[in-house]
Amino acid sequence: MKKLTLRFIIAIFTFIIGITAASFWLLSHREPSRKPVPSDIASETQISPRWVYINRDIDWESPPKQIEQTFQASLNSTIIIFYPSGKFASVGCTLYRDNKSKRMSISAGDDFSVSKGTWKRNDNESITATSHVTHGMTRNSPVQVEKWLIREHYIDRMAGVLELNGYIYIPIQSVGNFAQLSPMIADDNQ
């Protein structure tokens, strides 16, 4: 009887260890949660950098040599925001980059364009965004439907690399005056 009880206790103990190990393994190998963090939803006026992507093919130009500046400018920058709520925004803007630190800054004083709409994740590793221009030269443009391809996954955001029509978008990094992004999106002259 003692041998049977001891074997039973060992079997139960082994079973519990196995279930615990399997649970830890599943948790560490599962796909990241798609649910937004409650603090992310609290206020969409505060944009989290985890929601933001920028085009990788930025063309940086130096000011004329007569002007002694320590920065370069980019006129072809596009910043994309995928809000956890399903809202979508695209901001075409000028960026400045410090020559030494390489830190970028958004120029809210120069011309910029804003498109707003919604996005949804598809089953086939893609995202569909539907938007229209709300601020800029082509404000009365038709609704645009774009299919974003997820090219690389990332732990704490929707993707590590996105592609749209052959252009690559990466997570935004090292941007000064990031707080200006939300007012730029809100300023849609409607």
C-alpha atoms as a PDB file:
ATOM      1  CA  MET A   1       0.000   0.000   0.000  1.00  0.00           C
ATOM      2  CA  LYS A   2       2.875   2.354   0.838  1.00  0.00           C
ATOM      3  CA  LYS A   3       4.482   1.689  -2.573  1.00  0.00           C
ATOM      4  CA  LEU A   4       1.196   2.418  -4.338  1.00  0.00           C
ATOM      5  CA  THR A   5       0.697   5.690  -2.422  1.00  0.00           C
ATOM      6  CA  LEU A   6       4.301   6.763  -3.062  1.00  0.00           C
ATOM      7  CA  ARG A   7       3.947   5.992  -6.779  1.00  0.00           C
ATOM      8  CA  PHE A   8       0.662   7.888  -6.892  1.00  0.00           C
ATOM      9  CA  ILE A   9       2.225  10.946  -5.220  1.00  0.00           C
ATOM     10  CA  ILE A  10       5.215  10.827  -7.619  1.00  0.00           C
ATOM     11  CA  ALA A  11       2.854  10.499 -10.603  1.00  0.00           C
ATOM     12  CA  ILE A  12       0.773  13.484  -9.469  1.00  0.00           C
ATOM     13  CA  PHE A  13       3.929  15.514  -8.794  1.00  0.00           C
ATOM     14  CA  THR A  14       5.352  14.618 -12.240  1.00  0.00           C
ATOM     15  CA  PHE A  15       2.035  15.494 -13.884  1.00  0.00           C
ATOM     16  CA  ILE A  16       1.956  18.923 -12.180  1.00  0.00           C
ATOM     17  CA  ILE A  17       5.560  19.660 -13.211  1.00  0.00           C
ATOM     18  CA  GLY A  18       4.782  18.612 -16.804  1.00  0.00           C
ATOM     19  CA  ILE A  19       1.675  20.813 -17.016  1.00  0.00           C
ATOM     20  CA  THR A  20       3.573  23.762 -15.508  1.00  0.00           C
ATOM     21  CA  ALA A  21       6.486  23.329 -17.944  1.00  0.00           C
ATOM     22  CA  ALA A  22       4.102  23.039 -20.910  1.00  0.00           C
ATOM     23  CA  SER A  23       2.258  26.191 -19.816  1.00  0.00           C
ATOM     24  CA  PHE A  24       5.491  28.179 -19.564  1.00  0.00           C
ATOM     25  CA  TRP A  25       6.614  26.894 -22.967  1.00  0.00           C
ATOM     26  CA  LEU A  26       3.299  27.849 -24.606  1.00  0.00           C
ATOM     27  CA  LEU A  27       3.348  31.308 -23.057  1.00  0.00           C
ATOM     28  CA  SER A  28       6.892  31.970 -24.246  1.00  0.00           C
ATOM     29  CA  HIS A  29       6.189  30.750 -27.802  1.00  0.00           C
ATOM     30  CA  ARG A  30       2.797  32.256 -28.455  1.00  0.00           C
ATOM     31  CA  GLU A  31       2.241  35.156 -30.845  1.00  0.00           C
ATOM     32  CA  PRO A  32       2.198  38.569 -29.110  1.00  0.00           C
ATOM     33  CA  SER A  33      -1.168  39.745 -27.925  1.00  0.00           C
ATOM     34  CA  ARG A  34      -3.049  41.977 -30.346  1.00  0.00           C
ATOM     35  CA  LYS A  35      -5.041  43.565 -27.549  1.00  0.00           C
ATOM     36  CA  PRO A  36      -4.092  47.153 -26.764  1.00  0.00           C
ATOM     37  CA  VAL A  37      -2.739  47.948 -23.333  1.00  0.00           C
ATOM     38  CA  PRO A  38      -5.410  49.841 -21.316  1.00  0.00           C
ATOM     39  CA  SER A  39      -3.083  52.828 -20.892  1.00  0.00           C
ATOM     40  CA  ASP A  40      -2.761  52.998 -24.710  1.00  0.00           C
ATOM     41  CA  ILE A  41      -6.515  53.390 -25.096  1.00  0.00           C
ATOM     42  CA  ALA A  42      -6.891  56.010 -22.380  1.00  0.00           C
ATOM     43  CA  SER A  43      -6.088  58.909 -24.670  1.00  0.00           C
ATOM     44  CA  GLU A  44      -5.415  58.897 -28.393  1.00  0.00           C
ATOM     45  CA  THR A  45      -4.129  62.443 -28.081  1.00  0.00           C
ATOM     46  CA  GLN A  46      -0.999  60.899 -26.601  1.00  0.00           C
ATOM     47  CA  ILE A  47       0.531  58.792 -29.342  1.00  0.00           C
ATOM     48  CA  SER A  48       2.727  55.912 -28.266  1.00  0.00           C
ATOM     49  CA  PRO A  49       5.878  55.366 -30.360  1.00  0.00           C
ATOM     50  CA  ARG A  50       4.853  51.672 -30.510  1.00  0.00           C
ATOM     51  CA  TRP A  51       2.054  52.647 -32.911  1.00  0.00           C
ATOM     52  CA  VAL A  52       4.249  54.723 -35.241  1.00  0.00           C
ATOM     53  CA  TYR A  53       6.236  53.848 -38.382  1.00  0.00           C
ATOM     54  CA  ILE A  54       8.297  55.928 -40.808  1.00  0.00           C
ATOM     55  CA  ASN A  55       9.437  55.347 -44.368  1.00  0.00           C
ATOM     56  CA  ARG A  56      12.950  53.920 -44.553  1.00  0.00           C
ATOM     57  CA  ASP A  57      13.881  55.593 -47.860  1.00  0.00           C
ATOM     58  CA  ILE A  58      14.274  59.116 -46.482  1.00  0.00           C
ATOM     59  CA  ASP A  59      16.303  61.467 -48.684  1.00  0.00           C
ATOM     60  CA  TRP A  60      18.357  63.819 -46.517  1.00  0.00           C
ATOM     61  CA  GLU A  61      19.519  67.132 -48.013  1.00  0.00           C
ATOM     62  CA  SER A  62      21.960  69.603 -46.529  1.00  0.00           C
ATOM     63  CA  PRO A  63      21.109  73.319 -46.557  1.00  0.00           C
ATOM     64  CA  PRO A  64      23.063  75.530 -49.001  1.00  0.00           C
ATOM     65  CA  LYS A  65      26.726  75.923 -48.044  1.00  0.00           C
ATOM     66  CA  GLN A  66      26.207  79.655 -47.428  1.00  0.00           C
ATOM     67  CA  ILE A  67      23.968  78.774 -44.500  1.00  0.00           C
ATOM     68  CA  GLU A  68      25.982  77.282 -41.679  1.00  0.00           C
ATOM     69  CA  GLN A  69      23.621  74.739 -40.207  1.00  0.00           C
ATOM     70  CA  THR A  70      24.239  71.572 -38.268  1.00  0.00           C
ATOM     71  CA  PHE A  71      21.291  69.681 -39.712  1.00  0.00           C
ATOM     72  CA  GLN A  72      19.895  68.045 -42.816  1.00  0.00           C
ATOM     73  CA  ALA A  73      16.284  68.168 -44.000  1.00  0.00           C
ATOM     74  CA  SER A  74      13.985  65.618 -45.579  1.00  0.00           C
ATOM     75  CA  LEU A  75      10.954  66.583 -47.626  1.00  0.00           C
ATOM     76  CA  ASN A  76       9.789  63.041 -48.433  1.00  0.00           C
ATOM     77  CA  SER A  77       9.039  61.773 -44.925  1.00  0.00           C
ATOM     78  CA  THR A  78       5.847  59.901 -44.154  1.00  0.00           C
ATOM     79  CA  ILE A  79       4.858  58.992 -40.614  1.00  0.00           C
ATOM     80  CA  ILE A  80       2.187  56.315 -40.182  1.00  0.00           C
ATOM     81  CA  ILE A  81       0.167  55.710 -37.003  1.00  0.00           C
ATOM     82  CA  PHE A  82      -1.852  52.542 -36.364  1.00  0.00           C
ATOM     83  CA  TYR A  83      -3.904  53.398 -33.255  1.00  0.00           C
ATOM     84  CA  PRO A  84      -4.951  50.380 -31.121  1.00  0.00           C
ATOM     85  CA  SER A  85      -8.581  51.518 -31.479  1.00  0.00           C
ATOM     86  CA  GLY A  86      -8.476  50.865 -35.240  1.00  0.00           C
ATOM     87  CA  LYS A  87      -7.966  54.477 -36.262  1.00  0.00           C
ATOM     88  CA  PHE A  88      -5.265  55.224 -38.840  1.00  0.00           C
ATOM     89  CA  ALA A  89      -3.311  58.374 -39.687  1.00  0.00           C
ATOM     90  CA  SER A  90      -0.617  59.227 -42.202  1.00  0.00           C
ATOM     91  CA  VAL A  91       1.405  62.442 -41.968  1.00  0.00           C
ATOM     92  CA  GLY A  92       3.575  63.657 -44.837  1.00  0.00           C
ATOM     93  CA  CYS A  93       6.016  66.131 -43.315  1.00  0.00           C
ATOM     94  CA  THR A  94       9.454  67.676 -43.248  1.00  0.00           C
ATOM     95  CA  LEU A  95      11.967  66.190 -40.841  1.00  0.00           C
ATOM     96  CA  TYR A  96      15.220  67.687 -39.647  1.00  0.00           C
ATOM     97  CA  ARG A  97      18.172  65.537 -38.577  1.00  0.00           C
ATOM     98  CA  ASP A  98      21.071  66.750 -36.456  1.00  0.00           C
ATOM     99  CA  ASN A  99      24.387  65.998 -38.198  1.00  0.00           C
ATOM    100  CA  LYS A 100      26.120  64.851 -35.008  1.00  0.00           C
ATOM    101  CA  SER A 101      23.484  63.010 -32.961  1.00  0.00           C
ATOM    102  CA  LYS A 102      21.363  61.900 -35.968  1.00  0.00           C
ATOM    103  CA  ARG A 103      18.295  62.719 -33.864  1.00  0.00           C
ATOM    104  CA  MET A 104      15.297  63.687 -35.996  1.00  0.00           C
ATOM    105  CA  SER A 105      12.726  66.418 -35.324  1.00  0.00           C
ATOM    106  CA  ILE A 106       9.306  66.901 -36.862  1.00  0.00           C
ATOM    107  CA  SER A 107       8.804  70.319 -38.440  1.00  0.00           C
ATOM    108  CA  ALA A 108       5.272  71.425 -37.651  1.00  0.00           C
ATOM    109  CA  GLY A 109       5.957  74.856 -39.175  1.00  0.00           C
ATOM    110  CA  ASP A 110       6.466  73.601 -42.728  1.00  0.00           C
ATOM    111  CA  ASP A 111       3.794  72.308 -45.070  1.00  0.00           C
ATOM    112  CA  PHE A 112       2.433  68.907 -44.157  1.00  0.00           C
ATOM    113  CA  SER A 113      -0.416  66.657 -45.224  1.00  0.00           C
ATOM    114  CA  VAL A 114      -2.631  64.427 -43.107  1.00  0.00           C
ATOM    115  CA  SER A 115      -4.759  61.447 -44.086  1.00  0.00           C
ATOM    116  CA  LYS A 116      -7.073  59.796 -41.581  1.00  0.00           C
ATOM    117  CA  GLY A 117      -9.176  56.681 -41.537  1.00  0.00           C
ATOM    118  CA  THR A 118      -9.294  53.188 -40.121  1.00  0.00           C
ATOM    119  CA  TRP A 119      -7.263  49.971 -40.285  1.00  0.00           C
ATOM    120  CA  LYS A 120      -7.861  46.286 -39.703  1.00  0.00           C
ATOM    121  CA  ARG A 121      -5.562  43.295 -39.579  1.00  0.00           C
ATOM    122  CA  ASN A 122      -6.241  40.562 -42.152  1.00  0.00           C
ATOM    123  CA  ASP A 123      -5.685  36.828 -41.718  1.00  0.00           C
ATOM    124  CA  ASN A 124      -2.904  36.726 -44.334  1.00  0.00           C
ATOM    125  CA  GLU A 125      -0.181  38.784 -42.603  1.00  0.00           C
ATOM    126  CA  SER A 126      -1.479  42.050 -44.031  1.00  0.00           C
ATOM    127  CA  ILE A 127      -3.300  45.170 -42.875  1.00  0.00           C
ATOM    128  CA  THR A 128      -5.947  47.070 -44.804  1.00  0.00           C
ATOM    129  CA  ALA A 129      -6.078  50.824 -44.198  1.00  0.00           C
ATOM    130  CA  THR A 130      -8.845  53.022 -45.577  1.00  0.00           C
ATOM    131  CA  SER A 131      -8.263  56.781 -45.413  1.00  0.00           C
ATOM    132  CA  HIS A 132      -8.724  60.161 -47.067  1.00  0.00           C
ATOM    133  CA  VAL A 133      -6.744  63.404 -46.983  1.00  0.00           C
ATOM    134  CA  THR A 134      -7.998  65.801 -44.294  1.00  0.00           C
ATOM    135  CA  HIS A 135      -5.199  68.396 -44.447  1.00  0.00           C
ATOM    136  CA  GLY A 136      -3.043  69.338 -47.406  1.00  0.00           C
ATOM    137  CA  MET A 137      -3.066  70.289 -51.059  1.00  0.00           C
ATOM    138  CA  THR A 138      -5.312  67.420 -52.217  1.00  0.00           C
ATOM    139  CA  ARG A 139      -7.831  67.628 -49.408  1.00  0.00           C
ATOM    140  CA  ASN A 140     -10.799  66.563 -51.530  1.00  0.00           C
ATOM    141  CA  SER A 141      -9.118  63.384 -52.712  1.00  0.00           C
ATOM    142  CA  PRO A 142     -11.100  60.144 -52.923  1.00  0.00           C
ATOM    143  CA  VAL A 143     -10.989  57.488 -50.240  1.00  0.00           C
ATOM    144  CA  GLN A 144      -7.835  55.430 -50.521  1.00  0.00           C
ATOM    145  CA  VAL A 145      -7.607  51.732 -49.647  1.00  0.00           C
ATOM    146  CA  GLU A 146      -4.075  50.449 -49.013  1.00  0.00           C
ATOM    147  CA  LYS A 147      -2.838  46.947 -48.258  1.00  0.00           C
ATOM    148  CA  TRP A 148       0.144  46.926 -45.896  1.00  0.00           C
ATOM    149  CA  LEU A 149       2.228  43.750 -45.783  1.00  0.00           C
ATOM    150  CA  ILE A 150       3.812  42.625 -42.521  1.00  0.00           C
ATOM    151  CA  ARG A 151       7.391  41.740 -43.472  1.00  0.00           C
ATOM    152  CA  GLU A 152       8.843  41.224 -40.000  1.00  0.00           C
ATOM    153  CA  HIS A 153       7.265  40.597 -36.609  1.00  0.00           C
ATOM    154  CA  TYR A 154       8.132  42.394 -33.394  1.00  0.00           C
ATOM    155  CA  ILE A 155       7.411  41.619 -29.757  1.00  0.00           C
ATOM    156  CA  ASP A 156       5.649  44.742 -28.434  1.00  0.00           C
ATOM    157  CA  ARG A 157       4.179  46.238 -31.597  1.00  0.00           C
ATOM    158  CA  MET A 158       2.121  45.231 -34.599  1.00  0.00           C
ATOM    159  CA  ALA A 159       5.171  44.644 -36.821  1.00  0.00           C
ATOM    160  CA  GLY A 160       8.912  45.224 -37.053  1.00  0.00           C
ATOM    161  CA  VAL A 161       8.804  46.015 -40.779  1.00  0.00           C
ATOM    162  CA  LEU A 162       5.840  46.949 -42.986  1.00  0.00           C
ATOM    163  CA  GLU A 163       5.696  47.279 -46.763  1.00  0.00           C
ATOM    164  CA  LEU A 164       3.351  49.354 -48.904  1.00  0.00           C
ATOM    165  CA  ASN A 165       3.706  49.284 -52.703  1.00  0.00           C
ATOM    166  CA  GLY A 166       7.377  48.342 -52.501  1.00  0.00           C
ATOM    167  CA  TYR A 167       8.234  50.990 -49.876  1.00  0.00           C
ATOM    168  CA  ILE A 168       9.478  49.855 -46.480  1.00  0.00           C
ATOM    169  CA  TYR A 169       8.282  51.370 -43.191  1.00  0.00           C
ATOM    170  CA  ILE A 170      10.094  50.796 -39.914  1.00  0.00           C
ATOM    171  CA  PRO A 171       9.391  51.668 -36.270  1.00  0.00           C
ATOM    172  CA  ILE A 172      10.095  55.316 -35.574  1.00  0.00           C
ATOM    173  CA  GLN A 173      13.182  55.930 -33.460  1.00  0.00           C
ATOM    174  CA  SER A 174      14.900  58.934 -31.919  1.00  0.00           C
ATOM    175  CA  VAL A 175      12.462  61.715 -32.832  1.00  0.00           C
ATOM    176  CA  GLY A 176      12.447  64.979 -30.937  1.00  0.00           C
ATOM    177  CA  ASN A 177       9.259  67.031 -30.428  1.00  0.00           C
ATOM    178  CA  PHE A 178       7.242  63.823 -30.877  1.00  0.00           C
ATOM    179  CA  ALA A 179       4.399  65.503 -28.967  1.00  0.00           C
ATOM    180  CA  GLN A 180       3.744  67.732 -32.020  1.00  0.00           C
ATOM    181  CA  LEU A 181       2.528  64.738 -34.008  1.00  0.00           C
ATOM    182  CA  SER A 182      -0.886  64.564 -32.342  1.00  0.00           C
ATOM    183  CA  PRO A 183      -1.722  68.288 -32.893  1.00  0.00           C
ATOM    184  CA  MET A 184      -0.631  67.962 -36.537  1.00  0.00           C
ATOM    185  CA  ILE A 185      -3.121  65.109 -36.992  1.00  0.00           C
ATOM    186  CA  ALA A 186      -5.868  67.023 -35.190  1.00  0.00           C
ATOM    187  CA  ASP A 187      -5.317  70.130 -37.386  1.00  0.00           C
ATOM    188  CA  ASP A 188      -7.361  68.956 -40.336  1.00  0.00           C
ATOM    189  CA  ASN A 189      -9.130  72.226 -41.256  1.00  0.00           C
ATOM    190  CA  GLN A 190     -12.539  70.553 -41.332  1.00  0.00           C
END
